[in-house]
Amino acid sequence: MNSPAINHKRSSVFLYLGFVVVASFFTYFFNYYQPAATFWDEPYHIASAQKYLNGVYFMEQHPPLGKLLIALGEKITHANKVNNQFINTDYAKEVPAGFSYVGYRLFPALLGWLTAPLLFLVFFLITRHEANSSLLSFLYIFDNALIVHGRGAMIESTLLFLCTAMIAVFLLLLRYAGKKRAFAGLSIALGVLFGLIMTTKLVGLVMILLFPAACVFLWPKVSKIGSFFGLALLGFVVAFVGVWQIHFSLGTTLQPQLPDNGYYQASASYKTILAKHLTSSPLSFPVMIADSMKFVGHYNGGVPRLDLCKSDENGSPFFYWPFGARTINYRWQAVSDSVYRYLYLVPNAVGWLCGLVGIFACVAILFGWLFLPLKKKPEHLFLIALFTALYFGYMIAISRLDRVMYLYHYFLPLLFSYILFALAFENFHTFASRTLNEHKRGIVLTVIAICIFGCFQVYRPFTYYEAISNKQVQRRAIVPLWEMTCVNCAKKSILVVPSK
């Protein structure tokens, strides 16, 4: 029988979890279908979703899961009577009057919302303190950049949800490694989630580092490591092959108006598969997946490089991203001569600063443990090393790419930085002469959470398409590196002179 203390603890956890669920509902999901206008990559993904809904064959640079979910949302809701306007193009340029975004944005917004309770679980597994975990969740719940992007028919929120789920499962695996059934189930789940990540966006490949990390944790139990890899591989193969097979099976009809007469540089073997209607056959899978991977290289070969001297360049170098630069004006609409509505990719400055503090603090902890005579071993040293490796592994890999990249490509390492902040906060005693008691720690986190919420409110108009004047925009451009500007105002850069 559970003791009253255990029952009280459990009810307290659910109370704080409920707060996180409700708060994130109103930031990420409430009225997600507004504004009823496309922005950024939505025209690409809506066009892809309509191809799924109409059985049209196509290839794209991103793996299929995110776009399949966008199509599934429309399939479930039937929000539009007509869903074939864009099957002959890869870009839904002119959206008809009355077009509904209820279905297309459903799963991205839903998964953006549900990432918050998952992250609460991650924080709770680290801190074992439900109140502090809910306060740390403010980093995600009130992040303006994550919200505005996550409420669109795009794939980043799906990636973040799956990566957060994989991190949570990994932490549970460490906790229940000694329980046979739980270990087996969590090993399979870890493989499944990695398979889903790799069918969503290729930048999720960095999550592969969780597998060698698990082996380090399980060492020297060689048999258990073997079982872990076998079960995880099984889960990965089922998820990866399953999602791609669904994609291939749905694409049976050719549209000659699409690139390469609708073939997208398919090989002769793939063309034969399409002609004989063999896309659902498992025997065709090797040819189809190989052609799809080749198309990614073909597509990225045509993507331009970053050129900060271009006046309309929205991209930014990777070393800008931790500072929230460069912001992107996704869309705008005039209200009057000097008042506009914006969807603007702007970070929550307080939250991103906390992420930076977490990165530097955890690097300092690792450096101190390796090279300085610390009196006490830091808390969660294994996790600090792991998430530091995840952060810098991603950033180093991204730095090797030649094509233009954008601020939202920082979302995944931003997630790692938030976890590093939680880990650094758990090690406050490493930097201070004395430790904070539970009450004082709660006060510190409460003050930080209030500042995060306040910053969210300052940039709220850019997140929810609310009217704001040019002067108000200029007052909010507090970081010159952001290059944030109002409509028809000259963009200023502290590093380059944009060409006209």
Protein backbone atom coordinates (compact mmCIF):
# COMPACT_ATOMS: atom_id res chain seq x y z
CA MET A 1 0.00 0.00 0.00
CA ASN A 2 1.30 3.44 -0.89
CA SER A 3 2.09 5.73 2.00
CA PRO A 4 0.31 9.12 2.33
CA ALA A 5 3.64 10.86 1.55
CA ILE A 6 3.97 8.97 -1.77
CA ASN A 7 0.37 9.69 -2.71
CA HIS A 8 0.86 13.39 -1.87
CA LYS A 9 4.02 13.49 -3.98
CA ARG A 10 2.24 11.85 -6.91
CA SER A 11 -0.73 14.23 -6.74
CA SER A 12 1.67 17.17 -6.55
CA VAL A 13 3.47 15.99 -9.70
CA PHE A 14 0.19 15.72 -11.60
CA LEU A 15 -0.88 19.14 -10.36
CA TYR A 16 2.25 20.82 -11.77
CA LEU A 17 2.08 18.71 -14.92
CA GLY A 18 -1.51 19.88 -15.37
CA PHE A 19 -0.36 23.48 -15.11
CA VAL A 20 2.26 22.87 -17.83
CA VAL A 21 -0.34 21.22 -20.10
CA VAL A 22 -2.84 24.07 -19.69
CA ALA A 23 -0.28 26.86 -20.07
CA SER A 24 1.27 25.34 -23.20
CA PHE A 25 -2.19 24.74 -24.69
CA PHE A 26 -2.84 28.48 -24.72
CA THR A 27 0.59 29.38 -26.13
CA TYR A 28 0.95 26.64 -28.77
CA PHE A 29 -2.48 25.24 -29.66
CA PHE A 30 -5.24 27.76 -28.96
CA ASN A 31 -6.41 29.33 -32.25
CA TYR A 32 -3.49 27.68 -34.07
CA TYR A 33 -5.31 28.07 -37.40
CA GLN A 34 -4.93 31.86 -37.21
CA PRO A 35 -3.83 33.81 -39.14
CA ALA A 36 -5.61 32.22 -42.10
CA ALA A 37 -2.67 32.88 -44.42
CA THR A 38 0.41 30.90 -45.40
CA PHE A 39 3.86 31.78 -44.11
CA TRP A 40 7.43 30.61 -44.64
CA ASP A 41 7.59 26.89 -45.68
CA GLU A 42 3.85 26.21 -45.42
CA PRO A 43 3.32 26.48 -49.21
CA TYR A 44 5.82 23.63 -49.74
CA HIS A 45 4.39 21.37 -47.05
CA ILE A 46 0.74 21.98 -47.94
CA ALA A 47 1.52 21.11 -51.56
CA SER A 48 3.24 17.90 -50.41
CA ALA A 49 0.30 17.04 -48.12
CA GLN A 50 -2.14 17.41 -51.00
CA LYS A 51 -0.06 15.00 -53.07
CA TYR A 52 -0.44 12.41 -50.30
CA LEU A 53 -4.19 13.05 -50.16
CA ASN A 54 -4.47 12.49 -53.92
CA GLY A 55 -1.96 9.65 -54.35
CA VAL A 56 0.52 11.70 -56.38
CA TYR A 57 4.13 10.51 -56.61
CA PHE A 58 6.80 13.05 -55.62
CA MET A 59 10.20 13.46 -54.01
CA GLU A 60 11.30 16.11 -51.53
CA GLN A 61 14.40 17.10 -49.56
CA HIS A 62 12.91 16.14 -46.19
CA PRO A 63 11.89 12.61 -45.12
CA PRO A 64 8.14 11.98 -45.18
CA LEU A 65 6.81 11.74 -41.61
CA GLY A 66 6.27 15.45 -40.93
CA LYS A 67 4.42 15.97 -44.20
CA LEU A 68 2.42 12.76 -43.72
CA LEU A 69 1.16 14.12 -40.40
CA ILE A 70 0.24 17.44 -42.04
CA ALA A 71 -1.77 15.47 -44.61
CA LEU A 72 -3.31 13.28 -41.88
CA GLY A 73 -4.60 16.35 -40.06
CA GLU A 74 -6.44 17.47 -43.18
CA LYS A 75 -7.68 13.93 -43.79
CA ILE A 76 -9.13 13.74 -40.27
CA THR A 77 -10.75 17.17 -40.16
CA HIS A 78 -11.96 17.49 -43.79
CA ALA A 79 -11.59 21.24 -43.22
CA ASN A 80 -11.49 21.97 -46.98
CA LYS A 81 -13.95 20.62 -49.55
CA VAL A 82 -11.27 20.76 -52.24
CA ASN A 83 -7.77 19.43 -51.60
CA ASN A 84 -6.17 19.13 -55.02
CA GLN A 85 -5.34 22.74 -55.94
CA PHE A 86 -1.59 22.19 -55.57
CA ILE A 87 -0.94 18.66 -56.80
CA ASN A 88 0.68 20.04 -59.96
CA THR A 89 3.20 22.20 -58.13
CA ASP A 90 5.70 21.94 -55.29
CA TYR A 91 4.77 25.39 -53.98
CA ALA A 92 1.23 26.43 -53.03
CA LYS A 93 1.60 30.03 -54.14
CA GLU A 94 -1.95 31.33 -54.51
CA VAL A 95 -4.20 30.00 -51.75
CA PRO A 96 -7.91 30.36 -52.61
CA ALA A 97 -10.25 32.52 -50.54
CA GLY A 98 -11.75 30.67 -47.60
CA PHE A 99 -8.92 28.13 -47.45
CA SER A 100 -8.80 26.52 -43.99
CA TYR A 101 -5.61 25.73 -42.09
CA VAL A 102 -7.39 23.75 -39.37
CA GLY A 103 -6.30 20.38 -40.74
CA TYR A 104 -2.90 21.20 -42.19
CA ARG A 105 -1.66 22.82 -38.97
CA LEU A 106 -3.34 20.35 -36.61
CA PHE A 107 -0.50 17.92 -35.90
CA PRO A 108 2.37 20.44 -35.93
CA ALA A 109 0.54 22.60 -33.38
CA LEU A 110 -0.61 19.56 -31.38
CA LEU A 111 2.89 18.12 -31.14
CA GLY A 112 4.28 21.56 -30.33
CA TRP A 113 1.85 21.68 -27.42
CA LEU A 114 2.56 18.12 -26.22
CA THR A 115 6.32 18.70 -26.23
CA ALA A 116 5.86 20.85 -23.11
CA PRO A 117 4.67 18.02 -20.80
CA LEU A 118 7.36 15.75 -22.23
CA LEU A 119 10.00 18.33 -21.41
CA PHE A 120 8.49 18.67 -17.93
CA LEU A 121 9.10 14.92 -17.56
CA VAL A 122 12.71 15.36 -18.69
CA PHE A 123 13.24 18.13 -16.14
CA PHE A 124 11.56 16.09 -13.43
CA LEU A 125 13.75 13.06 -14.13
CA ILE A 126 16.77 15.35 -13.70
CA THR A 127 15.69 17.47 -10.73
CA ARG A 128 13.19 15.16 -8.99
CA HIS A 129 11.34 18.34 -8.04
CA GLU A 130 7.95 18.95 -9.62
CA ALA A 131 7.68 22.70 -8.88
CA ASN A 132 11.15 23.45 -10.24
CA SER A 133 10.40 21.31 -13.30
CA SER A 134 7.29 23.34 -14.07
CA LEU A 135 9.25 26.59 -13.72
CA LEU A 136 12.01 25.27 -15.99
CA SER A 137 9.30 24.39 -18.52
CA PHE A 138 8.70 28.13 -18.95
CA LEU A 139 11.81 28.07 -21.17
CA TYR A 140 9.82 26.15 -23.77
CA ILE A 141 6.23 27.17 -23.01
CA PHE A 142 6.89 30.88 -23.53
CA ASP A 143 9.53 30.78 -26.25
CA ASN A 144 8.24 33.15 -28.93
CA ALA A 145 10.34 31.68 -31.74
CA LEU A 146 9.32 28.10 -31.03
CA ILE A 147 5.67 29.09 -30.73
CA VAL A 148 5.34 31.08 -33.96
CA HIS A 149 7.09 28.38 -35.98
CA GLY A 150 5.38 25.48 -34.22
CA ARG A 151 1.89 26.80 -34.97
CA GLY A 152 2.47 26.57 -38.73
CA ALA A 153 2.13 23.62 -41.11
CA MET A 154 5.82 22.83 -40.80
CA ILE A 155 7.92 19.94 -39.50
CA GLU A 156 10.15 21.40 -36.77
CA SER A 157 7.61 20.86 -33.98
CA THR A 158 7.33 17.18 -34.97
CA LEU A 159 11.11 16.87 -34.77
CA LEU A 160 11.29 18.55 -31.36
CA PHE A 161 8.47 16.38 -30.00
CA LEU A 162 10.18 13.18 -31.11
CA CYS A 163 13.61 14.27 -29.86
CA THR A 164 12.18 15.28 -26.48
CA ALA A 165 10.37 11.93 -26.29
CA MET A 166 13.61 10.12 -27.12
CA ILE A 167 15.46 12.01 -24.39
CA ALA A 168 12.72 11.15 -21.88
CA VAL A 169 12.85 7.49 -22.85
CA PHE A 170 16.65 7.52 -22.58
CA LEU A 171 16.48 8.93 -19.05
CA LEU A 172 13.88 6.31 -18.11
CA LEU A 173 16.14 3.63 -19.58
CA LEU A 174 18.96 4.75 -17.30
CA ARG A 175 16.57 4.66 -14.35
CA TYR A 176 15.03 1.24 -15.06
CA ALA A 177 18.00 -0.55 -16.63
CA GLY A 178 17.83 -3.15 -13.88
CA LYS A 179 14.22 -4.14 -14.62
CA LYS A 180 14.09 -6.66 -17.44
CA ARG A 181 10.69 -5.87 -19.00
CA ALA A 182 11.02 -2.12 -18.65
CA PHE A 183 14.53 -2.26 -20.10
CA ALA A 184 13.35 -4.23 -23.12
CA GLY A 185 10.38 -1.96 -23.78
CA LEU A 186 12.42 1.21 -23.39
CA SER A 187 15.17 -0.13 -25.65
CA ILE A 188 12.63 -0.80 -28.40
CA ALA A 189 11.00 2.59 -27.83
CA LEU A 190 14.36 4.32 -28.14
CA GLY A 191 14.92 2.65 -31.52
CA VAL A 192 11.40 3.45 -32.70
CA LEU A 193 11.74 7.12 -31.79
CA PHE A 194 15.10 7.39 -33.53
CA GLY A 195 13.54 5.81 -36.62
CA LEU A 196 10.71 8.35 -36.52
CA ILE A 197 13.21 11.18 -36.07
CA MET A 198 15.18 10.03 -39.10
CA THR A 199 11.97 9.98 -41.14
CA THR A 200 11.18 13.57 -40.09
CA LYS A 201 14.33 15.63 -40.61
CA LEU A 202 17.92 14.56 -41.25
CA VAL A 203 19.39 17.02 -38.74
CA GLY A 204 17.96 14.69 -36.09
CA LEU A 205 20.86 12.33 -36.82
CA VAL A 206 22.69 13.86 -33.84
CA MET A 207 20.34 11.88 -31.58
CA ILE A 208 22.31 8.76 -32.52
CA LEU A 209 24.75 9.79 -29.77
CA LEU A 210 22.25 8.48 -27.22
CA PHE A 211 23.06 4.91 -28.26
CA PRO A 212 26.79 4.93 -27.46
CA ALA A 213 25.91 6.90 -24.32
CA ALA A 214 23.62 4.06 -23.24
CA CYS A 215 26.45 1.60 -23.86
CA VAL A 216 28.79 3.64 -21.66
CA PHE A 217 26.17 3.60 -18.92
CA LEU A 218 25.62 -0.18 -19.25
CA TRP A 219 29.32 -1.08 -19.42
CA PRO A 220 30.73 -3.64 -18.62
CA LYS A 221 27.52 -5.68 -18.97
CA VAL A 222 28.30 -6.86 -22.50
CA SER A 223 25.28 -9.14 -22.82
CA LYS A 224 22.97 -6.33 -21.77
CA ILE A 225 24.57 -3.98 -24.27
CA GLY A 226 24.00 -6.61 -26.97
CA SER A 227 20.35 -6.96 -25.97
CA PHE A 228 19.94 -3.20 -25.98
CA PHE A 229 21.38 -2.82 -29.47
CA GLY A 230 19.34 -5.71 -30.83
CA LEU A 231 16.05 -4.40 -29.46
CA ALA A 232 16.79 -0.80 -30.43
CA LEU A 233 17.75 -1.86 -33.96
CA LEU A 234 14.50 -3.80 -34.26
CA GLY A 235 12.49 -0.74 -33.23
CA PHE A 236 14.44 1.51 -35.59
CA VAL A 237 13.99 -0.74 -38.63
CA VAL A 238 10.25 -1.16 -38.04
CA ALA A 239 9.69 2.60 -37.68
CA PHE A 240 12.06 3.73 -40.44
CA VAL A 241 10.95 1.20 -43.04
CA GLY A 242 7.29 1.53 -42.04
CA VAL A 243 7.11 5.30 -42.53
CA TRP A 244 9.00 5.25 -45.83
CA GLN A 245 6.87 2.37 -47.08
CA ILE A 246 3.71 4.36 -46.36
CA HIS A 247 5.20 7.26 -48.32
CA PHE A 248 6.06 5.04 -51.29
CA SER A 249 2.71 3.25 -51.26
CA LEU A 250 0.76 6.51 -51.41
CA GLY A 251 2.68 7.87 -54.42
CA THR A 252 1.26 6.02 -57.41
CA THR A 253 0.04 8.72 -59.83
CA LEU A 254 2.35 10.80 -62.02
CA GLN A 255 1.76 14.50 -62.70
CA PRO A 256 3.70 15.62 -65.82
CA GLN A 257 3.63 19.27 -64.68
CA LEU A 258 5.94 18.42 -61.79
CA PRO A 259 9.77 18.44 -62.14
CA ASP A 260 11.30 16.05 -64.66
CA ASN A 261 7.84 15.31 -66.12
CA GLY A 262 6.78 14.18 -62.66
CA TYR A 263 9.66 11.72 -62.11
CA TYR A 264 11.95 13.90 -59.94
CA GLN A 265 15.17 12.38 -61.36
CA ALA A 266 13.98 8.84 -60.63
CA SER A 267 16.19 6.03 -61.94
CA ALA A 268 15.11 3.70 -64.71
CA SER A 269 14.40 1.02 -62.11
CA TYR A 270 12.15 3.34 -60.12
CA LYS A 271 10.32 4.36 -63.30
CA THR A 272 9.65 0.67 -63.99
CA ILE A 273 8.29 0.25 -60.46
CA LEU A 274 5.93 3.18 -61.01
CA ALA A 275 4.84 1.89 -64.41
CA LYS A 276 4.07 -1.57 -63.01
CA HIS A 277 2.39 -0.19 -59.86
CA LEU A 278 4.84 -1.99 -57.57
CA THR A 279 5.40 0.83 -55.06
CA SER A 280 3.68 -1.16 -52.30
CA SER A 281 5.95 -4.16 -52.79
CA PRO A 282 8.68 -4.59 -50.12
CA LEU A 283 10.96 -5.82 -52.91
CA SER A 284 10.87 -2.36 -54.45
CA PHE A 285 11.94 -0.67 -51.22
CA PRO A 286 15.74 -0.70 -51.78
CA VAL A 287 15.44 1.04 -55.16
CA MET A 288 12.92 3.61 -53.94
CA ILE A 289 14.82 4.54 -50.76
CA ALA A 290 18.12 4.81 -52.66
CA ASP A 291 16.56 7.16 -55.22
CA SER A 292 14.97 9.23 -52.45
CA MET A 293 18.32 9.66 -50.70
CA LYS A 294 19.99 10.66 -53.97
CA PHE A 295 17.32 13.29 -54.54
CA VAL A 296 18.22 14.94 -51.21
CA GLY A 297 21.75 15.55 -52.51
CA HIS A 298 20.37 16.76 -55.85
CA TYR A 299 18.00 19.20 -54.12
CA ASN A 300 20.55 20.60 -51.68
CA GLY A 301 23.00 21.06 -54.53
CA GLY A 302 20.63 23.68 -55.91
CA VAL A 303 20.17 25.56 -52.62
CA PRO A 304 22.15 28.84 -52.64
CA ARG A 305 24.88 29.65 -50.15
CA LEU A 306 24.47 32.21 -47.41
CA ASP A 307 25.01 35.79 -48.64
CA LEU A 308 24.65 38.35 -45.86
CA CYS A 309 25.22 41.14 -48.36
CA LYS A 310 21.86 40.42 -50.01
CA SER A 311 19.23 42.85 -48.75
CA ASP A 312 16.56 40.14 -48.69
CA GLU A 313 18.72 37.39 -47.16
CA ASN A 314 16.92 35.67 -44.27
CA GLY A 315 19.62 33.10 -43.55
CA SER A 316 22.32 33.37 -40.91
CA PRO A 317 25.61 31.67 -40.00
CA PHE A 318 25.44 29.03 -37.28
CA PHE A 319 27.50 31.09 -34.82
CA TYR A 320 24.78 33.77 -34.82
CA TRP A 321 22.09 31.40 -33.60
CA PRO A 322 22.86 31.13 -29.87
CA PHE A 323 22.33 34.92 -29.71
CA GLY A 324 18.96 34.75 -31.50
CA ALA A 325 20.22 36.04 -34.82
CA ARG A 326 19.08 36.58 -37.44
CA THR A 327 15.36 37.06 -36.87
CA ILE A 328 13.00 36.45 -39.80
CA ASN A 329 9.88 38.40 -40.78
CA TYR A 330 7.68 35.51 -41.94
CA ARG A 331 4.79 37.68 -43.12
CA TRP A 332 3.23 41.07 -42.50
CA GLN A 333 0.00 42.91 -43.19
CA ALA A 334 -0.65 46.65 -43.13
CA VAL A 335 -3.19 48.05 -40.67
CA SER A 336 -2.34 51.70 -41.31
CA ASP A 337 0.61 53.71 -42.62
CA SER A 338 2.79 52.94 -39.62
CA VAL A 339 1.01 49.99 -38.00
CA TYR A 340 1.37 46.38 -39.14
CA ARG A 341 0.65 42.82 -38.09
CA TYR A 342 3.65 40.47 -38.07
CA LEU A 343 4.54 36.85 -37.85
CA TYR A 344 8.16 37.33 -36.87
CA LEU A 345 10.65 34.66 -35.81
CA VAL A 346 11.96 36.41 -32.69
CA PRO A 347 13.49 34.60 -29.71
CA ASN A 348 12.55 35.03 -26.09
CA ALA A 349 15.71 36.88 -25.09
CA VAL A 350 15.58 35.76 -21.44
CA GLY A 351 15.02 32.12 -22.33
CA TRP A 352 17.80 32.02 -24.92
CA LEU A 353 20.12 33.76 -22.45
CA CYS A 354 19.37 31.00 -19.94
CA GLY A 355 20.31 28.49 -22.63
CA LEU A 356 23.63 30.26 -23.17
CA VAL A 357 24.27 30.30 -19.43
CA GLY A 358 23.54 26.58 -19.32
CA ILE A 359 26.02 25.87 -22.13
CA PHE A 360 28.87 27.90 -20.61
CA ALA A 361 28.17 26.65 -17.09
CA CYS A 362 28.19 22.98 -18.11
CA VAL A 363 31.39 23.44 -20.14
CA ALA A 364 32.92 25.04 -17.04
CA ILE A 365 31.76 22.12 -14.89
CA LEU A 366 33.35 19.60 -17.26
CA PHE A 367 36.55 21.62 -17.47
CA GLY A 368 36.69 21.94 -13.70
CA TRP A 369 36.13 18.22 -13.17
CA LEU A 370 38.87 17.33 -15.65
CA PHE A 371 41.51 19.88 -14.70
CA LEU A 372 40.76 21.34 -11.26
CA PRO A 373 40.78 19.72 -7.82
CA LEU A 374 37.06 19.96 -7.05
CA LYS A 375 36.09 18.91 -3.55
CA LYS A 376 32.84 17.33 -4.68
CA LYS A 377 31.90 15.51 -7.86
CA PRO A 378 29.32 17.50 -9.85
CA GLU A 379 25.75 16.22 -9.93
CA HIS A 380 24.65 14.42 -13.12
CA LEU A 381 28.15 14.54 -14.62
CA PHE A 382 27.27 11.82 -17.15
CA LEU A 383 24.26 13.80 -18.40
CA ILE A 384 26.23 17.05 -18.51
CA ALA A 385 28.84 15.40 -20.72
CA LEU A 386 26.15 13.83 -22.92
CA PHE A 387 24.07 16.95 -23.58
CA THR A 388 27.20 19.05 -24.06
CA ALA A 389 28.28 16.52 -26.70
CA LEU A 390 24.83 16.64 -28.31
CA TYR A 391 24.91 20.45 -28.45
CA PHE A 392 28.40 20.82 -29.89
CA GLY A 393 28.05 17.73 -32.08
CA TYR A 394 25.05 19.34 -33.79
CA MET A 395 26.70 22.74 -34.13
CA ILE A 396 29.92 21.29 -35.55
CA ALA A 397 28.00 19.17 -38.07
CA ILE A 398 25.90 22.16 -39.17
CA SER A 399 29.03 24.28 -39.58
CA ARG A 400 30.19 21.88 -42.29
CA LEU A 401 27.19 22.56 -44.56
CA ASP A 402 27.62 24.90 -47.52
CA ARG A 403 23.97 25.74 -48.11
CA VAL A 404 22.11 28.64 -46.49
CA MET A 405 20.65 27.81 -43.07
CA TYR A 406 18.18 29.66 -40.87
CA LEU A 407 17.61 30.52 -37.24
CA TYR A 408 15.05 27.75 -36.75
CA HIS A 409 17.78 25.21 -37.49
CA TYR A 410 18.94 26.08 -33.97
CA PHE A 411 15.75 24.78 -32.34
CA LEU A 412 17.17 21.34 -31.55
CA PRO A 413 20.40 22.56 -29.92
CA LEU A 414 18.27 25.20 -28.18
CA LEU A 415 16.38 22.31 -26.59
CA PHE A 416 19.70 20.81 -25.48
CA SER A 417 20.73 24.19 -24.03
CA TYR A 418 17.55 24.31 -21.92
CA ILE A 419 18.37 20.88 -20.50
CA LEU A 420 21.95 22.02 -19.87
CA PHE A 421 20.55 25.00 -17.95
CA ALA A 422 18.58 22.62 -15.74
CA LEU A 423 21.70 20.53 -15.17
CA ALA A 424 23.76 23.62 -14.39
CA PHE A 425 21.14 24.82 -11.94
CA GLU A 426 21.35 21.46 -10.18
CA ASN A 427 25.08 22.16 -9.78
CA PHE A 428 24.76 25.67 -8.39
CA HIS A 429 27.05 24.67 -5.53
CA THR A 430 29.89 24.23 -8.05
CA PHE A 431 29.96 27.99 -8.68
CA ALA A 432 28.88 29.31 -5.27
CA SER A 433 30.52 29.16 -1.87
CA ARG A 434 27.42 27.54 -0.42
CA THR A 435 24.44 25.63 -1.71
CA LEU A 436 20.94 27.04 -1.96
CA ASN A 437 18.26 25.34 0.06
CA GLU A 438 15.11 24.17 -1.66
CA HIS A 439 13.17 27.32 -0.77
CA LYS A 440 15.81 29.70 -2.16
CA ARG A 441 16.24 27.60 -5.31
CA GLY A 442 12.52 27.89 -5.89
CA ILE A 443 12.68 31.67 -5.47
CA VAL A 444 15.52 31.96 -8.01
CA LEU A 445 13.67 29.85 -10.57
CA THR A 446 10.45 31.77 -9.95
CA VAL A 447 12.20 35.08 -10.68
CA ILE A 448 13.67 33.60 -13.88
CA ALA A 449 10.27 32.22 -14.91
CA ILE A 450 8.64 35.62 -14.35
CA CYS A 451 11.30 37.28 -16.52
CA ILE A 452 10.74 34.68 -19.26
CA PHE A 453 6.98 35.30 -19.15
CA GLY A 454 7.51 39.06 -19.20
CA CYS A 455 9.77 38.83 -22.26
CA PHE A 456 7.18 36.59 -23.94
CA GLN A 457 4.57 39.31 -23.45
CA VAL A 458 6.89 41.97 -24.90
CA TYR A 459 7.30 39.99 -28.15
CA ARG A 460 3.79 38.54 -28.15
CA PRO A 461 2.56 40.74 -31.06
CA PHE A 462 5.12 39.12 -33.37
CA THR A 463 3.99 35.66 -32.30
CA TYR A 464 0.22 36.03 -32.70
CA TYR A 465 -0.09 38.48 -35.60
CA GLU A 466 -1.17 41.40 -33.45
CA ALA A 467 -1.01 45.01 -34.63
CA ILE A 468 2.11 46.93 -33.62
CA SER A 469 3.49 50.31 -34.69
CA ASN A 470 6.88 50.97 -36.28
CA LYS A 471 8.09 52.74 -33.14
CA GLN A 472 7.08 49.78 -30.99
CA VAL A 473 8.99 47.45 -33.31
CA GLN A 474 12.10 49.60 -33.09
CA ARG A 475 11.93 49.67 -29.28
CA ARG A 476 11.87 45.87 -29.25
CA ALA A 477 14.92 45.53 -31.50
CA ILE A 478 17.17 45.39 -28.44
CA VAL A 479 19.90 43.18 -29.91
CA PRO A 480 21.61 44.70 -32.98
CA LEU A 481 22.71 41.25 -34.15
CA TRP A 482 19.04 40.27 -34.57
CA GLU A 483 18.71 42.80 -37.45
CA MET A 484 15.05 43.09 -36.56
CA THR A 485 13.25 45.88 -38.38
CA CYS A 486 9.80 47.21 -39.22
CA VAL A 487 8.23 47.13 -42.66
CA ASN A 488 9.77 49.64 -45.09
CA CYS A 489 12.50 50.49 -42.57
CA ALA A 490 16.13 50.11 -43.54
CA LYS A 491 17.73 46.93 -42.26
CA LYS A 492 20.88 47.59 -40.28
CA SER A 493 23.74 45.13 -39.92
CA ILE A 494 26.71 45.53 -37.57
CA LEU A 495 28.89 43.20 -39.65
CA VAL A 496 28.07 43.74 -43.34
CA VAL A 497 26.59 46.36 -45.65
CA PRO A 498 23.58 44.85 -47.49
CA SER A 499 23.50 45.58 -51.22
CA LYS A 500 20.49 47.36 -52.67
